[in-house]
PDB file of N, CA and C in Angstrom:
ATOM      1  N   UNK A   1       0.731  -1.385  -0.002  1.00  0.00           N
ATOM      2  CA  UNK A   1      -0.001  -0.273   0.457  1.00  0.00           C
ATOM      3  C   UNK A   1       0.852   1.019   0.134  1.00  0.00           C
ATOM      4  N   UNK A   2       0.489   2.583  -0.357  1.00  0.00           N
ATOM      5  CA  UNK A   2       1.525   3.403  -0.285  1.00  0.00           C
ATOM      6  C   UNK A   2       0.975   4.526   0.501  1.00  0.00           C
ATOM      7  N   UNK A   3       2.363   5.402   0.827  1.00  0.00           N
ATOM      8  CA  UNK A   3       1.748   6.106   2.100  1.00  0.00           C
ATOM      9  C   UNK A   3       0.986   7.243   1.059  1.00  0.00           C
ATOM     10  N   UNK A   4      -0.039   7.608   2.434  1.00  0.00           N
ATOM     11  CA  UNK A   4      -0.942   8.956   2.233  1.00  0.00           C
ATOM     12  C   UNK A   4      -0.168   9.894   2.876  1.00  0.00           C
ATOM     13  N   UNK A   5      -0.537  10.708   2.225  1.00  0.00           N
ATOM     14  CA  UNK A   5       0.348  11.891   3.584  1.00  0.00           C
ATOM     15  C   UNK A   5      -0.922  13.287   3.419  1.00  0.00           C
ATOM     16  N   UNK A   6      -1.132  14.531   4.141  1.00  0.00           N
ATOM     17  CA  UNK A   6      -1.650  14.905   3.728  1.00  0.00           C
ATOM     18  C   UNK A   6      -0.567  16.292   4.477  1.00  0.00           C
ATOM     19  N   UNK A   7      -0.628  17.320   3.653  1.00  0.00           N
ATOM     20  CA  UNK A   7       0.180  18.672   4.446  1.00  0.00           C
ATOM     21  C   UNK A   7      -0.306  19.916   3.999  1.00  0.00           C
ATOM     22  N   UNK A   8      -0.009  20.502   4.842  1.00  0.00           N
ATOM     23  CA  UNK A   8      -1.143  21.892   5.557  1.00  0.00           C
ATOM     24  C   UNK A   8      -0.443  23.414   5.458  1.00  0.00           C
ATOM     25  N   UNK A   9      -0.773  24.007   4.591  1.00  0.00           N
ATOM     26  CA  UNK A   9       0.385  25.607   4.896  1.00  0.00           C
ATOM     27  C   UNK A   9      -1.009  26.050   5.275  1.00  0.00           C
ATOM     28  N   UNK A  10      -0.582  26.956   6.286  1.00  0.00           N
ATOM     29  CA  UNK A  10      -1.164  28.118   7.244  1.00  0.00           C
ATOM     30  C   UNK A  10      -0.513  29.334   6.696  1.00  0.00           C
ATOM     31  N   UNK A  11      -1.397  30.445   5.532  1.00  0.00           N
ATOM     32  CA  UNK A  11      -0.802  31.787   4.902  1.00  0.00           C
ATOM     33  C   UNK A  11      -1.024  32.400   6.376  1.00  0.00           C
ATOM     34  N   UNK A  12      -0.410  33.983   5.783  1.00  0.00           N
ATOM     35  CA  UNK A  12       0.058  34.612   6.769  1.00  0.00           C
ATOM     36  C   UNK A  12      -1.594  35.512   6.425  1.00  0.00           C
ATOM     37  N   UNK A  13      -2.719  34.829   6.142  1.00  0.00           N
ATOM     38  CA  UNK A  13      -3.967  35.913   5.751  1.00  0.00           C
ATOM     39  C   UNK A  13      -4.902  34.624   6.696  1.00  0.00           C
ATOM     40  N   UNK A  14      -3.988  33.779   7.190  1.00  0.00           N
ATOM     41  CA  UNK A  14      -4.775  32.929   7.875  1.00  0.00           C
ATOM     42  C   UNK A  14      -6.010  31.887   7.638  1.00  0.00           C
ATOM     43  N   UNK A  15      -5.787  31.956   6.297  1.00  0.00           N
ATOM     44  CA  UNK A  15      -6.306  31.030   5.075  1.00  0.00           C
ATOM     45  C   UNK A  15      -5.347  29.400   5.309  1.00  0.00           C
ATOM     46  N   UNK A  16      -6.239  28.147   5.161  1.00  0.00           N
ATOM     47  CA  UNK A  16      -5.682  26.743   5.270  1.00  0.00           C
ATOM     48  C   UNK A  16      -5.988  26.227   4.026  1.00  0.00           C
ATOM     49  N   UNK A  17      -4.415  25.837   3.350  1.00  0.00           N
ATOM     50  CA  UNK A  17      -4.401  25.145   2.297  1.00  0.00           C
ATOM     51  C   UNK A  17      -3.909  23.467   2.585  1.00  0.00           C
ATOM     52  N   UNK A  18      -4.408  22.140   1.725  1.00  0.00           N
ATOM     53  CA  UNK A  18      -4.705  21.445   2.083  1.00  0.00           C
ATOM     54  C   UNK A  18      -3.911  20.770   1.057  1.00  0.00           C
ATOM     55  N   UNK A  19      -3.066  20.380   1.415  1.00  0.00           N
ATOM     56  CA  UNK A  19      -2.225  19.355  -0.444  1.00  0.00           C
ATOM     57  C   UNK A  19      -2.498  17.482   0.337  1.00  0.00           C
ATOM     58  N   UNK A  20      -3.341  16.724  -0.534  1.00  0.00           N
ATOM     59  CA  UNK A  20      -2.993  15.525  -0.334  1.00  0.00           C
ATOM     60  C   UNK A  20      -2.864  14.689  -1.699  1.00  0.00           C
ATOM     61  N   UNK A  21      -1.136  14.361  -0.968  1.00  0.00           N
ATOM     62  CA  UNK A  21      -0.859  13.278  -1.730  1.00  0.00           C
ATOM     63  C   UNK A  21      -0.622  11.550  -1.590  1.00  0.00           C
ATOM     64  N   UNK A  22      -0.708  10.664  -2.762  1.00  0.00           N
ATOM     65  CA  UNK A  22      -0.262   8.726  -2.635  1.00  0.00           C
ATOM     66  C   UNK A  22      -2.035   8.355  -2.689  1.00  0.00           C
ATOM     67  N   UNK A  23      -3.243   8.733  -2.802  1.00  0.00           N
ATOM     68  CA  UNK A  23      -4.451   8.459  -2.704  1.00  0.00           C
ATOM     69  C   UNK A  23      -4.692   8.979  -4.515  1.00  0.00           C
ATOM     70  N   UNK A  24      -5.189   7.884  -4.426  1.00  0.00           N
ATOM     71  CA  UNK A  24      -5.731   8.187  -6.134  1.00  0.00           C
ATOM     72  C   UNK A  24      -7.538   8.458  -6.044  1.00  0.00           C
ATOM     73  N   UNK A  25      -7.712   8.954  -7.325  1.00  0.00           N
ATOM     74  CA  UNK A  25      -9.440   9.176  -7.546  1.00  0.00           C
ATOM     75  C   UNK A  25      -9.726  10.200  -6.627  1.00  0.00           C
ATOM     76  N   UNK A  26     -11.405   9.894  -6.508  1.00  0.00           N
ATOM     77  CA  UNK A  26     -11.777  11.209  -5.124  1.00  0.00           C
ATOM     78  C   UNK A  26     -11.903  10.782  -3.884  1.00  0.00           C
ATOM     79  N   UNK A  27     -11.177   9.786  -3.410  1.00  0.00           N
ATOM     80  CA  UNK A  27     -10.638   9.312  -1.815  1.00  0.00           C
ATOM     81  C   UNK A  27     -10.599  11.032  -0.851  1.00  0.00           C
ATOM     82  N   UNK A  28      -9.523  11.120  -1.693  1.00  0.00           N
ATOM     83  CA  UNK A  28      -8.937  12.075  -0.527  1.00  0.00           C
ATOM     84  C   UNK A  28      -9.680  12.776  -0.232  1.00  0.00           C
ATOM     85  N   UNK A  29     -10.980  13.265  -0.407  1.00  0.00           N
ATOM     86  CA  UNK A  29     -12.056  13.713  -0.238  1.00  0.00           C
ATOM     87  C   UNK A  29     -12.426  13.150   0.941  1.00  0.00           C
ATOM     88  N   UNK A  30     -12.660  11.713   1.174  1.00  0.00           N
ATOM     89  CA  UNK A  30     -13.272  11.289   2.530  1.00  0.00           C
ATOM     90  C   UNK A  30     -12.048  10.741   3.130  1.00  0.00           C
ATOM     91  N   UNK A  31     -10.484  11.164   2.646  1.00  0.00           N
ATOM     92  CA  UNK A  31      -9.554  10.841   3.584  1.00  0.00           C
ATOM     93  C   UNK A  31      -9.573  12.690   4.733  1.00  0.00           C
ATOM     94  N   UNK A  32     -10.024  13.623   4.356  1.00  0.00           N
ATOM     95  CA  UNK A  32     -10.177  14.816   4.816  1.00  0.00           C
ATOM     96  C   UNK A  32     -11.321  14.914   5.346  1.00  0.00           C
ATOM     97  N   UNK A  33     -12.583  15.223   5.252  1.00  0.00           N
ATOM     98  CA  UNK A  33     -13.585  15.162   5.426  1.00  0.00           C
ATOM     99  C   UNK A  33     -14.194  16.037   6.855  1.00  0.00           C
ATOM    100  N   UNK A  34     -13.136  14.426   7.338  1.00  0.00           N
ATOM    101  CA  UNK A  34     -13.071  15.824   9.600  1.00  0.00           C
ATOM    102  C   UNK A  34     -12.102  16.441   9.981  1.00  0.00           C
ATOM    103  N   UNK A  35     -11.080  16.237   8.859  1.00  0.00           N
ATOM    104  CA  UNK A  35     -10.291  17.549   9.494  1.00  0.00           C
ATOM    105  C   UNK A  35     -10.775  18.754   8.754  1.00  0.00           C
ATOM    106  N   UNK A  36     -11.530  18.696   7.454  1.00  0.00           N
ATOM    107  CA  UNK A  36     -12.015  20.072   6.927  1.00  0.00           C
ATOM    108  C   UNK A  36     -13.234  20.762   7.698  1.00  0.00           C
ATOM    109  N   UNK A  37     -14.214  19.577   8.125  1.00  0.00           N
ATOM    110  CA  UNK A  37     -14.873  20.631   9.538  1.00  0.00           C
ATOM    111  C   UNK A  37     -15.307  21.259  10.315  1.00  0.00           C
ATOM    112  N   UNK A  38     -13.805  20.534  11.344  1.00  0.00           N
ATOM    113  CA  UNK A  38     -13.444  21.127  11.506  1.00  0.00           C
ATOM    114  C   UNK A  38     -12.360  22.307  11.626  1.00  0.00           C
ATOM    115  N   UNK A  39     -12.043  22.886  10.527  1.00  0.00           N
ATOM    116  CA  UNK A  39     -11.343  23.987   9.954  1.00  0.00           C
ATOM    117  C   UNK A  39     -12.306  25.496   9.926  1.00  0.00           C
ATOM    118  N   UNK A  40     -13.601  24.716   9.401  1.00  0.00           N
ATOM    119  CA  UNK A  40     -13.989  25.628   8.747  1.00  0.00           C
ATOM    120  C   UNK A  40     -14.749  25.284   7.860  1.00  0.00           C
ATOM    121  N   UNK A  41     -15.338  26.569   6.165  1.00  0.00           N
ATOM    122  CA  UNK A  41     -15.431  26.338   5.226  1.00  0.00           C
ATOM    123  C   UNK A  41     -14.866  25.960   4.338  1.00  0.00           C
ATOM    124  N   UNK A  42     -14.658  25.113   3.216  1.00  0.00           N
ATOM    125  CA  UNK A  42     -14.069  25.907   2.312  1.00  0.00           C
ATOM    126  C   UNK A  42     -14.201  26.033   1.204  1.00  0.00           C
ATOM    127  N   UNK A  43     -13.240  27.031   0.519  1.00  0.00           N
ATOM    128  CA  UNK A  43     -13.364  28.196  -0.056  1.00  0.00           C
ATOM    129  C   UNK A  43     -13.038  27.401  -1.865  1.00  0.00           C
ATOM    130  N   UNK A  44     -12.335  26.615  -1.757  1.00  0.00           N
ATOM    131  CA  UNK A  44     -12.082  26.317  -2.413  1.00  0.00           C
ATOM    132  C   UNK A  44     -11.182  25.335  -2.834  1.00  0.00           C
ATOM    133  N   UNK A  45     -11.217  24.054  -3.883  1.00  0.00           N
ATOM    134  CA  UNK A  45     -11.336  22.628  -3.802  1.00  0.00           C
ATOM    135  C   UNK A  45     -10.495  22.856  -5.705  1.00  0.00           C
ATOM    136  N   UNK A  46      -9.112  21.950  -5.700  1.00  0.00           N
ATOM    137  CA  UNK A  46      -8.627  21.722  -7.519  1.00  0.00           C
ATOM    138  C   UNK A  46      -7.877  20.348  -6.912  1.00  0.00           C
ATOM    139  N   UNK A  47      -8.167  19.956  -7.902  1.00  0.00           N
ATOM    140  CA  UNK A  47      -7.954  18.349  -7.996  1.00  0.00           C
ATOM    141  C   UNK A  47      -7.169  18.233  -8.239  1.00  0.00           C
ATOM    142  N   UNK A  48      -5.695  17.187  -8.156  1.00  0.00           N
ATOM    143  CA  UNK A  48      -4.219  17.022  -8.554  1.00  0.00           C
ATOM    144  C   UNK A  48      -4.640  16.021  -9.609  1.00  0.00           C
ATOM    145  N   UNK A  49      -4.068  15.854 -10.186  1.00  0.00           N
ATOM    146  CA  UNK A  49      -4.100  14.084 -11.072  1.00  0.00           C
ATOM    147  C   UNK A  49      -4.013  13.410 -10.522  1.00  0.00           C
ATOM    148  N   UNK A  50      -3.683  13.101  -9.263  1.00  0.00           N
ATOM    149  CA  UNK A  50      -3.987  11.566  -8.719  1.00  0.00           C
ATOM    150  C   UNK A  50      -5.546  11.483  -9.048  1.00  0.00           C
ATOM    151  N   UNK A  51      -6.136  12.535  -8.348  1.00  0.00           N
ATOM    152  CA  UNK A  51      -7.503  12.833  -7.965  1.00  0.00           C
ATOM    153  C   UNK A  51      -8.176  12.203  -9.878  1.00  0.00           C
ATOM    154  N   UNK A  52      -7.913  12.124 -11.027  1.00  0.00           N
ATOM    155  CA  UNK A  52      -8.359  11.202 -12.330  1.00  0.00           C
ATOM    156  C   UNK A  52      -7.505   9.916 -12.588  1.00  0.00           C
ATOM    157  N   UNK A  53      -6.709   9.958 -11.556  1.00  0.00           N
ATOM    158  CA  UNK A  53      -6.370   8.151 -11.926  1.00  0.00           C
ATOM    159  C   UNK A  53      -7.382   7.383 -11.239  1.00  0.00           C
ATOM    160  N   UNK A  54      -6.925   6.099 -11.754  1.00  0.00           N
ATOM    161  CA  UNK A  54      -8.206   4.987 -11.520  1.00  0.00           C
ATOM    162  C   UNK A  54      -7.505   4.521  -9.826  1.00  0.00           C
ATOM    163  N   UNK A  55      -8.201   4.018  -8.563  1.00  0.00           N
ATOM    164  CA  UNK A  55      -8.392   3.986  -7.226  1.00  0.00           C
ATOM    165  C   UNK A  55      -7.400   2.673  -7.577  1.00  0.00           C
ATOM    166  N   UNK A  56      -6.198   1.936  -7.189  1.00  0.00           N
ATOM    167  CA  UNK A  56      -5.768   0.685  -7.006  1.00  0.00           C
ATOM    168  C   UNK A  56      -6.693  -0.698  -6.873  1.00  0.00           C
ATOM    169  N   UNK A  57      -6.791  -1.598  -7.804  1.00  0.00           N
ATOM    170  CA  UNK A  57      -7.808  -2.980  -7.520  1.00  0.00           C
ATOM    171  C   UNK A  57      -7.835  -3.462  -6.201  1.00  0.00           C
ATOM    172  N   UNK A  58      -6.351  -3.218  -5.595  1.00  0.00           N
ATOM    173  CA  UNK A  58      -6.144  -4.089  -4.698  1.00  0.00           C
ATOM    174  C   UNK A  58      -6.874  -3.226  -3.317  1.00  0.00           C
ATOM    175  N   UNK A  59      -7.123  -1.862  -3.469  1.00  0.00           N
ATOM    176  CA  UNK A  59      -7.624  -1.096  -2.696  1.00  0.00           C
ATOM    177  C   UNK A  59      -8.958  -1.138  -2.216  1.00  0.00           C
ATOM    178  N   UNK A  60      -9.635  -1.691  -3.667  1.00  0.00           N
ATOM    179  CA  UNK A  60     -10.783  -1.699  -3.696  1.00  0.00           C
ATOM    180  C   UNK A  60     -11.314  -2.922  -2.908  1.00  0.00           C
ATOM    181  N   UNK A  61     -10.565  -3.994  -3.623  1.00  0.00           N
ATOM    182  CA  UNK A  61     -10.507  -5.113  -2.953  1.00  0.00           C
ATOM    183  C   UNK A  61     -10.788  -5.596  -1.667  1.00  0.00           C
ATOM    184  N   UNK A  62      -9.855  -4.499  -1.041  1.00  0.00           N
ATOM    185  CA  UNK A  62      -9.151  -4.770   0.733  1.00  0.00           C
ATOM    186  C   UNK A  62     -10.846  -3.693   0.893  1.00  0.00           C
ATOM    187  N   UNK A  63     -11.576  -3.001   0.678  1.00  0.00           N
ATOM    188  CA  UNK A  63     -12.409  -2.293   1.422  1.00  0.00           C
ATOM    189  C   UNK A  63     -13.798  -2.843   1.836  1.00  0.00           C
ATOM    190  N   UNK A  64     -14.506  -3.033   2.530  1.00  0.00           N
ATOM    191  CA  UNK A  64     -15.787  -3.631   2.326  1.00  0.00           C
ATOM    192  C   UNK A  64     -16.956  -2.755   1.865  1.00  0.00           C
ATOM    193  N   UNK A  65     -17.877  -3.089   1.124  1.00  0.00           N
ATOM    194  CA  UNK A  65     -18.628  -2.533   0.081  1.00  0.00           C
ATOM    195  C   UNK A  65     -19.758  -1.625   1.659  1.00  0.00           C
ATOM    196  N   UNK A  66     -19.965  -0.568   1.118  1.00  0.00           N
ATOM    197  CA  UNK A  66     -20.477   0.632   1.871  1.00  0.00           C
ATOM    198  C   UNK A  66     -20.022   1.138   3.383  1.00  0.00           C
ATOM    199  N   UNK A  67     -18.743   1.051   3.064  1.00  0.00           N
ATOM    200  CA  UNK A  67     -18.033   1.350   4.102  1.00  0.00           C
ATOM    201  C   UNK A  67     -17.340   2.431   3.894  1.00  0.00           C
ATOM    202  N   UNK A  68     -16.809   3.631   4.413  1.00  0.00           N
ATOM    203  CA  UNK A  68     -15.656   4.882   4.075  1.00  0.00           C
ATOM    204  C   UNK A  68     -14.221   4.249   4.133  1.00  0.00           C
ATOM    205  N   UNK A  69     -13.661   5.047   3.161  1.00  0.00           N
ATOM    206  CA  UNK A  69     -11.863   4.734   3.473  1.00  0.00           C
ATOM    207  C   UNK A  69     -11.474   5.183   4.497  1.00  0.00           C
ATOM    208  N   UNK A  70     -10.703   4.432   5.599  1.00  0.00           N
ATOM    209  CA  UNK A  70      -9.722   4.970   6.044  1.00  0.00           C
ATOM    210  C   UNK A  70      -8.356   5.626   6.200  1.00  0.00           C
TER     211      UNK A  70
END
């Protein structure tokens, strides 16, 4: 399994930028939803190239149906 990393940058104006690495497909949104809920309102979301890649088959097979990825 690949390493998943969430990087945060806090700008001088107080805005927080978040970058998710090592997650293919749109799984990054489920990975960060609890963090984002505590940080406040999401003003903008930009997808990286990894978001448009297919989720690896071994990740899909190990995930129970109906359960969010952790």
